[in-house]
PDB file of N, CA and C in Angstrom:
ATOM      1  N   MET A   1     120.282 102.520 117.325  1.00  0.00           N
ATOM      2  CA  MET A   1     119.689 103.016 116.227  1.00  0.00           C
ATOM      3  C   MET A   1     119.034 102.215 115.226  1.00  0.00           C
ATOM      4  N   LEU A   2     118.206 102.386 114.631  1.00  0.00           N
ATOM      5  CA  LEU A   2     117.445 101.884 113.705  1.00  0.00           C
ATOM      6  C   LEU A   2     118.321 102.004 112.343  1.00  0.00           C
ATOM      7  N   ARG A   3     118.707 100.991 111.373  1.00  0.00           N
ATOM      8  CA  ARG A   3     119.066 101.171 110.048  1.00  0.00           C
ATOM      9  C   ARG A   3     118.232 100.597 108.742  1.00  0.00           C
ATOM     10  N   LYS A   4     117.285 101.571 108.271  1.00  0.00           N
ATOM     11  CA  LYS A   4     116.843 100.803 106.791  1.00  0.00           C
ATOM     12  C   LYS A   4     117.686 101.193 105.848  1.00  0.00           C
ATOM     13  N   LEU A   5     117.355  99.958 104.791  1.00  0.00           N
ATOM     14  CA  LEU A   5     117.670 100.268 103.396  1.00  0.00           C
ATOM     15  C   LEU A   5     116.349 100.535 102.700  1.00  0.00           C
ATOM     16  N   ILE A   6     116.324 101.803 101.831  1.00  0.00           N
ATOM     17  CA  ILE A   6     115.319 101.881 101.220  1.00  0.00           C
ATOM     18  C   ILE A   6     115.466 102.606  99.884  1.00  0.00           C
ATOM     19  N   ASP A   7     114.942 102.356  99.009  1.00  0.00           N
ATOM     20  CA  ASP A   7     114.598 103.049  97.800  1.00  0.00           C
ATOM     21  C   ASP A   7     114.612 104.372  97.782  1.00  0.00           C
ATOM     22  N   TYR A   8     114.921 105.393  96.946  1.00  0.00           N
ATOM     23  CA  TYR A   8     114.735 106.776  97.053  1.00  0.00           C
ATOM     24  C   TYR A   8     113.274 106.974  96.553  1.00  0.00           C
ATOM     25  N   LYS A   9     112.571 106.052  95.646  1.00  0.00           N
ATOM     26  CA  LYS A   9     111.360 106.110  95.233  1.00  0.00           C
ATOM     27  C   LYS A   9     110.058 106.107  96.221  1.00  0.00           C
ATOM     28  N   LYS A  10     110.697 105.386  97.442  1.00  0.00           N
ATOM     29  CA  LYS A  10     109.565 105.134  98.601  1.00  0.00           C
ATOM     30  C   LYS A  10     109.984 105.821  99.656  1.00  0.00           C
ATOM     31  N   LEU A  11     110.423 107.354  99.504  1.00  0.00           N
ATOM     32  CA  LEU A  11     110.884 107.920 100.221  1.00  0.00           C
ATOM     33  C   LEU A  11     109.305 109.000 100.690  1.00  0.00           C
ATOM     34  N   ASP A  12     109.026 109.151 101.773  1.00  0.00           N
ATOM     35  CA  ASP A  12     107.728 110.390 101.741  1.00  0.00           C
ATOM     36  C   ASP A  12     108.314 111.652 101.420  1.00  0.00           C
ATOM     37  N   HIS A  13     107.398 112.398 101.735  1.00  0.00           N
ATOM     38  CA  HIS A  13     107.894 114.004 101.272  1.00  0.00           C
ATOM     39  C   HIS A  13     108.812 114.577 102.575  1.00  0.00           C
ATOM     40  N   GLU A  14     108.834 113.916 103.325  1.00  0.00           N
ATOM     41  CA  GLU A  14     109.558 114.798 104.661  1.00  0.00           C
ATOM     42  C   GLU A  14     111.064 114.319 104.631  1.00  0.00           C
ATOM     43  N   LEU A  15     111.084 112.640 104.225  1.00  0.00           N
ATOM     44  CA  LEU A  15     112.462 112.117 103.971  1.00  0.00           C
ATOM     45  C   LEU A  15     112.920 112.496 102.915  1.00  0.00           C
ATOM     46  N   ALA A  16     111.956 112.768 101.531  1.00  0.00           N
ATOM     47  CA  ALA A  16     112.561 113.419 100.375  1.00  0.00           C
ATOM     48  C   ALA A  16     113.344 115.027 100.693  1.00  0.00           C
ATOM     49  N   ALA A  17     112.936 116.115 101.147  1.00  0.00           N
ATOM     50  CA  ALA A  17     113.106 117.173 101.659  1.00  0.00           C
ATOM     51  C   ALA A  17     114.053 116.880 102.594  1.00  0.00           C
ATOM     52  N   LEU A  18     114.381 115.838 103.400  1.00  0.00           N
ATOM     53  CA  LEU A  18     115.698 116.039 104.439  1.00  0.00           C
ATOM     54  C   LEU A  18     116.640 115.593 103.483  1.00  0.00           C
ATOM     55  N   LEU A  19     116.591 114.590 102.389  1.00  0.00           N
ATOM     56  CA  LEU A  19     117.753 113.923 101.470  1.00  0.00           C
ATOM     57  C   LEU A  19     118.086 115.096 100.795  1.00  0.00           C
ATOM     58  N   ILE A  20     117.339 116.182 100.392  1.00  0.00           N
ATOM     59  CA  ILE A  20     117.619 117.399  99.238  1.00  0.00           C
ATOM     60  C   ILE A  20     118.266 118.430 100.376  1.00  0.00           C
ATOM     61  N   GLU A  21     117.944 118.452 101.750  1.00  0.00           N
ATOM     62  CA  GLU A  21     118.627 119.324 102.493  1.00  0.00           C
ATOM     63  C   GLU A  21     119.818 119.170 102.818  1.00  0.00           C
ATOM     64  N   THR A  22     120.163 117.451 102.987  1.00  0.00           N
ATOM     65  CA  THR A  22     121.391 116.783 103.388  1.00  0.00           C
ATOM     66  C   THR A  22     122.356 116.924 102.133  1.00  0.00           C
ATOM     67  N   TYR A  23     121.753 116.635 101.063  1.00  0.00           N
ATOM     68  CA  TYR A  23     122.733 116.782  99.926  1.00  0.00           C
ATOM     69  C   TYR A  23     122.296 117.945  98.771  1.00  0.00           C
ATOM     70  N   PRO A  24     122.466 119.074  99.290  1.00  0.00           N
ATOM     71  CA  PRO A  24     121.670 120.293  98.289  1.00  0.00           C
ATOM     72  C   PRO A  24     122.377 120.150  96.960  1.00  0.00           C
ATOM     73  N   ASP A  25     123.649 119.823  97.075  1.00  0.00           N
ATOM     74  CA  ASP A  25     124.530 120.406  95.406  1.00  0.00           C
ATOM     75  C   ASP A  25     124.732 118.387  94.981  1.00  0.00           C
ATOM     76  N   GLY A  26     124.103 117.601  95.447  1.00  0.00           N
ATOM     77  CA  GLY A  26     124.141 116.083  95.208  1.00  0.00           C
ATOM     78  C   GLY A  26     125.064 115.296  95.928  1.00  0.00           C
ATOM     79  N   TYR A  27     125.259 114.454  95.533  1.00  0.00           N
ATOM     80  CA  TYR A  27     126.327 113.591  96.937  1.00  0.00           C
ATOM     81  C   TYR A  27     127.811 113.185  95.677  1.00  0.00           C
ATOM     82  N   GLY A  28     128.782 113.167  96.309  1.00  0.00           N
ATOM     83  CA  GLY A  28     130.152 112.635  95.801  1.00  0.00           C
ATOM     84  C   GLY A  28     130.241 111.195  96.361  1.00  0.00           C
ATOM     85  N   ASP A  29     131.689 110.736  95.747  1.00  0.00           N
ATOM     86  CA  ASP A  29     131.984 109.546  95.943  1.00  0.00           C
ATOM     87  C   ASP A  29     131.925 109.593  97.468  1.00  0.00           C
ATOM     88  N   ASP A  30     132.402 110.486  98.200  1.00  0.00           N
ATOM     89  CA  ASP A  30     133.010 110.338  99.860  1.00  0.00           C
ATOM     90  C   ASP A  30     131.807 109.926 100.691  1.00  0.00           C
ATOM     91  N   ASP A  31     130.468 110.408  99.804  1.00  0.00           N
ATOM     92  CA  ASP A  31     128.941 110.236 100.641  1.00  0.00           C
ATOM     93  C   ASP A  31     128.917 108.468 100.363  1.00  0.00           C
ATOM     94  N   ILE A  32     129.175 107.969  99.579  1.00  0.00           N
ATOM     95  CA  ILE A  32     128.761 106.877  99.289  1.00  0.00           C
ATOM     96  C   ILE A  32     128.830 105.814  99.643  1.00  0.00           C
ATOM     97  N   ILE A  33     128.463 104.782 100.429  1.00  0.00           N
ATOM     98  CA  ILE A  33     128.844 103.617 101.161  1.00  0.00           C
ATOM     99  C   ILE A  33     128.634 102.423 100.509  1.00  0.00           C
ATOM    100  N   SER A  34     129.320 101.622 100.146  1.00  0.00           N
ATOM    101  CA  SER A  34     129.033 100.192  99.211  1.00  0.00           C
ATOM    102  C   SER A  34     129.084  98.942 100.357  1.00  0.00           C
ATOM    103  N   PHE A  35     127.995  98.241 100.131  1.00  0.00           N
ATOM    104  CA  PHE A  35     128.193  96.739 100.907  1.00  0.00           C
ATOM    105  C   PHE A  35     127.554  95.657 100.094  1.00  0.00           C
ATOM    106  N   GLN A  36     127.664  94.704 100.617  1.00  0.00           N
ATOM    107  CA  GLN A  36     126.853  93.527 100.227  1.00  0.00           C
ATOM    108  C   GLN A  36     125.826  92.933 100.904  1.00  0.00           C
ATOM    109  N   ASN A  37     124.719  93.057 100.072  1.00  0.00           N
ATOM    110  CA  ASN A  37     123.351  92.876 100.710  1.00  0.00           C
ATOM    111  C   ASN A  37     123.344  91.258 101.203  1.00  0.00           C
ATOM    112  N   ALA A  38     122.057  90.640 101.578  1.00  0.00           N
ATOM    113  CA  ALA A  38     122.110  89.639 102.210  1.00  0.00           C
ATOM    114  C   ALA A  38     121.925  88.602 100.937  1.00  0.00           C
ATOM    115  N   ASN A  39     121.635  88.889  99.856  1.00  0.00           N
ATOM    116  CA  ASN A  39     121.528  88.452  98.769  1.00  0.00           C
ATOM    117  C   ASN A  39     122.754  88.202  97.724  1.00  0.00           C
ATOM    118  N   GLY A  40     123.736  88.793  98.415  1.00  0.00           N
ATOM    119  CA  GLY A  40     125.114  88.656  98.057  1.00  0.00           C
ATOM    120  C   GLY A  40     125.005  90.000  96.639  1.00  0.00           C
ATOM    121  N   GLU A  41     124.267  90.515  96.490  1.00  0.00           N
ATOM    122  CA  GLU A  41     124.400  91.641  95.592  1.00  0.00           C
ATOM    123  C   GLU A  41     125.129  92.732  96.278  1.00  0.00           C
ATOM    124  N   TYR A  42     125.975  93.785  95.345  1.00  0.00           N
ATOM    125  CA  TYR A  42     126.598  95.207  95.789  1.00  0.00           C
ATOM    126  C   TYR A  42     125.358  96.096  95.782  1.00  0.00           C
ATOM    127  N   VAL A  43     125.180  96.761  96.779  1.00  0.00           N
ATOM    128  CA  VAL A  43     124.588  98.232  96.630  1.00  0.00           C
ATOM    129  C   VAL A  43     125.267  99.114  96.826  1.00  0.00           C
ATOM    130  N   GLU A  44     125.007 100.297  96.647  1.00  0.00           N
ATOM    131  CA  GLU A  44     125.521 101.684  97.181  1.00  0.00           C
ATOM    132  C   GLU A  44     124.192 102.782  97.671  1.00  0.00           C
ATOM    133  N   ALA A  45     124.821 103.108  98.279  1.00  0.00           N
ATOM    134  CA  ALA A  45     123.915 104.298  99.517  1.00  0.00           C
ATOM    135  C   ALA A  45     124.454 105.408  99.892  1.00  0.00           C
ATOM    136  N   VAL A  46     123.503 106.068 100.002  1.00  0.00           N
ATOM    137  CA  VAL A  46     124.105 107.594 100.747  1.00  0.00           C
ATOM    138  C   VAL A  46     122.920 107.367 102.286  1.00  0.00           C
ATOM    139  N   GLU A  47     123.545 107.893 103.213  1.00  0.00           N
ATOM    140  CA  GLU A  47     122.892 108.250 104.576  1.00  0.00           C
ATOM    141  C   GLU A  47     122.445 109.457 104.661  1.00  0.00           C
ATOM    142  N   LEU A  48     121.075 108.796 105.409  1.00  0.00           N
ATOM    143  CA  LEU A  48     119.986 109.856 105.684  1.00  0.00           C
ATOM    144  C   LEU A  48     119.588 109.403 107.125  1.00  0.00           C
ATOM    145  N   GLN A  49     120.004 110.914 108.249  1.00  0.00           N
ATOM    146  CA  GLN A  49     119.589 110.300 109.646  1.00  0.00           C
ATOM    147  C   GLN A  49     118.724 111.029 110.116  1.00  0.00           C
ATOM    148  N   THR A  50     117.522 110.677 110.842  1.00  0.00           N
ATOM    149  CA  THR A  50     116.887 110.994 111.237  1.00  0.00           C
ATOM    150  C   THR A  50     116.986 111.045 113.163  1.00  0.00           C
ATOM    151  N   SER A  51     116.316 111.396 113.789  1.00  0.00           N
ATOM    152  CA  SER A  51     116.585 111.346 115.506  1.00  0.00           C
ATOM    153  C   SER A  51     116.312 109.624 115.767  1.00  0.00           C
ATOM    154  N   GLU A  52     115.409 108.838 114.795  1.00  0.00           N
ATOM    155  CA  GLU A  52     115.344 107.634 115.570  1.00  0.00           C
ATOM    156  C   GLU A  52     115.734 106.370 114.248  1.00  0.00           C
ATOM    157  N   THR A  53     116.062 106.975 113.069  1.00  0.00           N
ATOM    158  CA  THR A  53     116.684 105.955 111.936  1.00  0.00           C
ATOM    159  C   THR A  53     117.833 106.472 111.329  1.00  0.00           C
ATOM    160  N   LEU A  54     118.189 105.404 110.937  1.00  0.00           N
ATOM    161  CA  LEU A  54     119.509 105.832 109.850  1.00  0.00           C
ATOM    162  C   LEU A  54     119.348 105.366 108.600  1.00  0.00           C
ATOM    163  N   TYR A  55     118.738 105.975 107.273  1.00  0.00           N
ATOM    164  CA  TYR A  55     118.138 105.372 106.371  1.00  0.00           C
ATOM    165  C   TYR A  55     119.470 105.075 105.373  1.00  0.00           C
ATOM    166  N   LEU A  56     119.803 104.115 104.765  1.00  0.00           N
ATOM    167  CA  LEU A  56     120.629 104.016 103.734  1.00  0.00           C
ATOM    168  C   LEU A  56     119.811 103.932 102.141  1.00  0.00           C
ATOM    169  N   VAL A  57     119.832 105.239 101.950  1.00  0.00           N
ATOM    170  CA  VAL A  57     119.127 105.572 100.674  1.00  0.00           C
ATOM    171  C   VAL A  57     120.032 105.029  99.512  1.00  0.00           C
ATOM    172  N   LYS A  58     119.260 103.975  98.533  1.00  0.00           N
ATOM    173  CA  LYS A  58     120.150 103.283  97.341  1.00  0.00           C
ATOM    174  C   LYS A  58     119.824 104.275  96.408  1.00  0.00           C
ATOM    175  N   ILE A  59     121.445 104.460  95.583  1.00  0.00           N
ATOM    176  CA  ILE A  59     121.284 105.399  94.600  1.00  0.00           C
ATOM    177  C   ILE A  59     121.471 104.960  93.549  1.00  0.00           C
ATOM    178  N   SER A  60     121.348 105.598  92.455  1.00  0.00           N
ATOM    179  CA  SER A  60     121.601 105.576  90.883  1.00  0.00           C
ATOM    180  C   SER A  60     121.404 106.867  90.351  1.00  0.00           C
ATOM    181  N   LYS A  61     121.390 106.318  89.081  1.00  0.00           N
ATOM    182  CA  LYS A  61     121.269 107.509  88.128  1.00  0.00           C
ATOM    183  C   LYS A  61     119.940 108.328  88.324  1.00  0.00           C
ATOM    184  N   SER A  62     118.838 107.755  88.467  1.00  0.00           N
ATOM    185  CA  SER A  62     117.633 108.051  89.000  1.00  0.00           C
ATOM    186  C   SER A  62     117.398 109.271  90.122  1.00  0.00           C
ATOM    187  N   LEU A  63     118.169 108.870  91.192  1.00  0.00           N
ATOM    188  CA  LEU A  63     118.265 109.389  92.302  1.00  0.00           C
ATOM    189  C   LEU A  63     119.142 110.716  91.935  1.00  0.00           C
ATOM    190  N   ALA A  64     120.213 110.870  91.560  1.00  0.00           N
ATOM    191  CA  ALA A  64     120.925 112.181  90.944  1.00  0.00           C
ATOM    192  C   ALA A  64     119.980 112.824  90.278  1.00  0.00           C
ATOM    193  N   ASN A  65     119.247 112.366  89.514  1.00  0.00           N
ATOM    194  CA  ASN A  65     118.164 113.218  88.847  1.00  0.00           C
ATOM    195  C   ASN A  65     116.946 113.884  89.668  1.00  0.00           C
ATOM    196  N   PHE A  66     116.732 112.909  90.302  1.00  0.00           N
ATOM    197  CA  PHE A  66     115.495 113.489  91.431  1.00  0.00           C
ATOM    198  C   PHE A  66     115.998 114.548  92.330  1.00  0.00           C
ATOM    199  N   ILE A  67     117.411 114.338  92.950  1.00  0.00           N
ATOM    200  CA  ILE A  67     118.120 115.358  93.684  1.00  0.00           C
ATOM    201  C   ILE A  67     118.037 116.691  92.753  1.00  0.00           C
ATOM    202  N   SER A  68     118.659 116.837  91.661  1.00  0.00           N
ATOM    203  CA  SER A  68     118.747 117.934  90.447  1.00  0.00           C
ATOM    204  C   SER A  68     117.487 118.572  90.337  1.00  0.00           C
ATOM    205  N   THR A  69     116.137 117.477  90.216  1.00  0.00           N
ATOM    206  CA  THR A  69     114.960 118.202  89.744  1.00  0.00           C
ATOM    207  C   THR A  69     113.699 118.425  90.837  1.00  0.00           C
ATOM    208  N   PHE A  70     114.359 118.328  91.936  1.00  0.00           N
ATOM    209  CA  PHE A  70     113.270 118.458  93.277  1.00  0.00           C
ATOM    210  C   PHE A  70     112.689 119.428  93.516  1.00  0.00           C
ATOM    211  N   ASP A  71     113.722 120.637  93.507  1.00  0.00           N
ATOM    212  CA  ASP A  71     113.145 122.115  93.773  1.00  0.00           C
ATOM    213  C   ASP A  71     112.165 122.291  92.398  1.00  0.00           C
ATOM    214  N   ASP A  72     112.305 122.037  91.322  1.00  0.00           N
ATOM    215  CA  ASP A  72     111.338 122.182  90.639  1.00  0.00           C
ATOM    216  C   ASP A  72     110.149 121.363  90.413  1.00  0.00           C
ATOM    217  N   THR A  73     110.304 120.141  91.051  1.00  0.00           N
ATOM    218  CA  THR A  73     108.905 119.289  90.953  1.00  0.00           C
ATOM    219  C   THR A  73     108.253 119.950  92.117  1.00  0.00           C
ATOM    220  N   ILE A  74     108.790 120.006  93.168  1.00  0.00           N
ATOM    221  CA  ILE A  74     107.880 120.669  94.684  1.00  0.00           C
ATOM    222  C   ILE A  74     107.099 122.114  94.298  1.00  0.00           C
ATOM    223  N   GLU A  75     108.134 122.873  93.666  1.00  0.00           N
ATOM    224  CA  GLU A  75     107.470 123.844  93.089  1.00  0.00           C
ATOM    225  C   GLU A  75     106.410 123.816  91.885  1.00  0.00           C
ATOM    226  N   ARG A  76     106.179 122.954  91.103  1.00  0.00           N
ATOM    227  CA  ARG A  76     104.960 122.661  90.316  1.00  0.00           C
ATOM    228  C   ARG A  76     103.810 122.035  90.978  1.00  0.00           C
ATOM    229  N   GLU A  77     104.067 121.090  92.205  1.00  0.00           N
ATOM    230  CA  GLU A  77     103.052 120.721  93.088  1.00  0.00           C
ATOM    231  C   GLU A  77     102.549 121.757  93.269  1.00  0.00           C
ATOM    232  N   LEU A  78     103.399 122.676  94.123  1.00  0.00           N
ATOM    233  CA  LEU A  78     103.034 123.701  94.877  1.00  0.00           C
ATOM    234  C   LEU A  78     101.963 124.852  94.503  1.00  0.00           C
ATOM    235  N   GLU A  79     102.492 124.967  93.060  1.00  0.00           N
ATOM    236  CA  GLU A  79     101.733 125.959  91.948  1.00  0.00           C
ATOM    237  C   GLU A  79     100.449 125.056  91.698  1.00  0.00           C
ATOM    238  N   ALA A  80     100.105 123.677  91.703  1.00  0.00           N
ATOM    239  CA  ALA A  80      98.910 123.006  91.014  1.00  0.00           C
ATOM    240  C   ALA A  80      97.994 123.202  92.474  1.00  0.00           C
ATOM    241  N   SER A  81      98.712 122.974  93.518  1.00  0.00           N
ATOM    242  CA  SER A  81      97.764 122.865  94.698  1.00  0.00           C
ATOM    243  C   SER A  81      97.312 124.293  95.196  1.00  0.00           C
ATOM    244  N   SER A  82      97.939 125.312  94.771  1.00  0.00           N
ATOM    245  CA  SER A  82      97.340 126.804  94.973  1.00  0.00           C
ATOM    246  C   SER A  82      96.340 127.198  94.031  1.00  0.00           C
ATOM    247  N   SER A  83      96.451 126.313  92.561  1.00  0.00           N
ATOM    248  CA  SER A  83      95.476 126.754  91.479  1.00  0.00           C
ATOM    249  C   SER A  83      94.137 126.047  92.153  1.00  0.00           C
ATOM    250  N   ARG A  84      94.313 124.786  92.566  1.00  0.00           N
ATOM    251  CA  ARG A  84      93.331 124.243  93.288  1.00  0.00           C
ATOM    252  C   ARG A  84      92.508 124.769  93.981  1.00  0.00           C
ATOM    253  N   VAL A  85      93.120 125.408  95.010  1.00  0.00           N
ATOM    254  CA  VAL A  85      92.572 126.038  96.202  1.00  0.00           C
ATOM    255  C   VAL A  85      92.353 127.414  95.944  1.00  0.00           C
ATOM    256  N   LEU A  86      92.779 128.200  94.871  1.00  0.00           N
ATOM    257  CA  LEU A  86      92.134 129.353  94.587  1.00  0.00           C
ATOM    258  C   LEU A  86      90.753 129.372  93.519  1.00  0.00           C
ATOM    259  N   GLU A  87      90.931 128.034  92.717  1.00  0.00           N
ATOM    260  CA  GLU A  87      89.650 127.358  92.069  1.00  0.00           C
ATOM    261  C   GLU A  87      88.420 127.509  93.133  1.00  0.00           C
ATOM    262  N   GLU A  88      88.631 126.642  94.162  1.00  0.00           N
ATOM    263  CA  GLU A  88      87.822 126.387  95.307  1.00  0.00           C
ATOM    264  C   GLU A  88      87.206 127.621  95.743  1.00  0.00           C
ATOM    265  N   VAL A  89      88.182 128.444  95.980  1.00  0.00           N
ATOM    266  CA  VAL A  89      87.807 129.998  96.669  1.00  0.00           C
ATOM    267  C   VAL A  89      86.845 130.529  95.773  1.00  0.00           C
ATOM    268  N   GLU A  90      87.278 130.699  94.864  1.00  0.00           N
ATOM    269  CA  GLU A  90      86.329 131.770  93.674  1.00  0.00           C
ATOM    270  C   GLU A  90      84.906 130.713  93.610  1.00  0.00           C
ATOM    271  N   SER A  91      85.093 129.626  93.407  1.00  0.00           N
ATOM    272  CA  SER A  91      83.587 128.644  92.989  1.00  0.00           C
ATOM    273  C   SER A  91      82.788 129.070  94.580  1.00  0.00           C
ATOM    274  N   SER A  92      83.398 129.184  96.003  1.00  0.00           N
ATOM    275  CA  SER A  92      82.230 129.574  97.239  1.00  0.00           C
ATOM    276  C   SER A  92      82.332 130.828  97.006  1.00  0.00           C
ATOM    277  N   ASP A  93      82.765 131.961  96.312  1.00  0.00           N
ATOM    278  CA  ASP A  93      82.715 132.862  96.155  1.00  0.00           C
ATOM    279  C   ASP A  93      81.488 133.182  95.314  1.00  0.00           C
ATOM    280  N   MET A  94      81.748 132.472  94.250  1.00  0.00           N
ATOM    281  CA  MET A  94      80.352 132.795  93.086  1.00  0.00           C
ATOM    282  C   MET A  94      78.792 132.265  93.879  1.00  0.00           C
ATOM    283  N   ASP A  95      78.983 131.006  94.588  1.00  0.00           N
ATOM    284  CA  ASP A  95      77.895 130.845  95.001  1.00  0.00           C
ATOM    285  C   ASP A  95      77.430 131.744  96.362  1.00  0.00           C
ATOM    286  N   TYR A  96      78.598 132.393  97.069  1.00  0.00           N
ATOM    287  CA  TYR A  96      78.057 133.283  97.799  1.00  0.00           C
ATOM    288  C   TYR A  96      77.143 134.493  97.214  1.00  0.00           C
ATOM    289  N   ASP A  97      77.881 134.750  96.020  1.00  0.00           N
ATOM    290  CA  ASP A  97      77.195 136.027  95.645  1.00  0.00           C
ATOM    291  C   ASP A  97      75.786 135.502  95.025  1.00  0.00           C
ATOM    292  N   SER A  98      75.963 134.426  94.515  1.00  0.00           N
ATOM    293  CA  SER A  98      74.547 134.247  93.936  1.00  0.00           C
ATOM    294  C   SER A  98      73.449 133.873  95.117  1.00  0.00           C
ATOM    295  N   ASN A  99      74.041 133.530  96.009  1.00  0.00           N
ATOM    296  CA  ASN A  99      72.819 133.214  97.362  1.00  0.00           C
ATOM    297  C   ASN A  99      72.422 134.821  97.648  1.00  0.00           C
ATOM    298  N   THR A 100      73.445 135.389  97.790  1.00  0.00           N
ATOM    299  CA  THR A 100      73.233 136.980  98.206  1.00  0.00           C
ATOM    300  C   THR A 100      72.444 137.986  97.137  1.00  0.00           C
ATOM    301  N   GLU A 101      72.521 137.601  95.822  1.00  0.00           N
ATOM    302  CA  GLU A 101      71.444 138.000  94.949  1.00  0.00           C
ATOM    303  C   GLU A 101      70.108 137.633  95.084  1.00  0.00           C
ATOM    304  N   THR A 102      70.120 136.081  95.401  1.00  0.00           N
ATOM    305  CA  THR A 102      68.878 135.731  95.499  1.00  0.00           C
ATOM    306  C   THR A 102      68.217 136.470  96.782  1.00  0.00           C
ATOM    307  N   GLU A 103      68.709 136.262  98.078  1.00  0.00           N
ATOM    308  CA  GLU A 103      68.209 137.130  99.009  1.00  0.00           C
ATOM    309  C   GLU A 103      67.817 138.623  98.730  1.00  0.00           C
ATOM    310  N   SER A 104      68.615 139.026  98.236  1.00  0.00           N
ATOM    311  CA  SER A 104      68.262 140.714  97.715  1.00  0.00           C
ATOM    312  C   SER A 104      66.561 140.525  96.864  1.00  0.00           C
ATOM    313  N   GLU A 105      66.909 139.638  95.808  1.00  0.00           N
ATOM    314  CA  GLU A 105      65.433 139.511  94.627  1.00  0.00           C
ATOM    315  C   GLU A 105      64.084 139.369  95.791  1.00  0.00           C
ATOM    316  N   GLU A 106      64.492 138.516  96.782  1.00  0.00           N
ATOM    317  CA  GLU A 106      63.543 138.201  97.762  1.00  0.00           C
ATOM    318  C   GLU A 106      62.941 139.246  98.480  1.00  0.00           C
ATOM    319  N   GLU A 107      64.242 139.917  99.289  1.00  0.00           N
ATOM    320  CA  GLU A 107      63.505 141.167  99.769  1.00  0.00           C
ATOM    321  C   GLU A 107      62.856 142.291  98.986  1.00  0.00           C
ATOM    322  N   THR A 108      63.365 142.235  97.989  1.00  0.00           N
ATOM    323  CA  THR A 108      62.709 143.144  96.979  1.00  0.00           C
ATOM    324  C   THR A 108      61.314 143.350  96.615  1.00  0.00           C
ATOM    325  N   GLU A 109      60.946 141.719  96.275  1.00  0.00           N
ATOM    326  CA  GLU A 109      59.473 140.970  96.137  1.00  0.00           C
ATOM    327  C   GLU A 109      58.626 141.232  97.519  1.00  0.00           C
ATOM    328  N   LEU A 110      59.188 141.443  98.603  1.00  0.00           N
ATOM    329  CA  LEU A 110      58.383 140.978  99.723  1.00  0.00           C
ATOM    330  C   LEU A 110      58.290 142.583 100.307  1.00  0.00           C
ATOM    331  N   ASP A 111      59.006 143.713  99.557  1.00  0.00           N
ATOM    332  CA  ASP A 111      58.642 145.078  99.768  1.00  0.00           C
ATOM    333  C   ASP A 111      57.573 145.623  99.470  1.00  0.00           C
TER     334      ASP A 111
END
């Protein structure tokens, strides 16, 4: 199994969701792995496993904050996305309505 050390800021949405699913209430002391990297620096990480890769996600105070605010962040992103889609649909409906009125006017003129 491939092992990768990664900062949580570089996780894609799929891995970030898996991280939240794995640690829904945050991580504790028992979840933290400490080791010395190639540069001799001490690193603390939590494990995140997929079928092909074991990720060691570097932890920091920022990661704890990320986990605690993840649901709110995703909800805001989904709301923003939904609003954009709704605006596009409404805009295309307006285009359709204006095209329909034009066709009706042309039919009246032809009669």
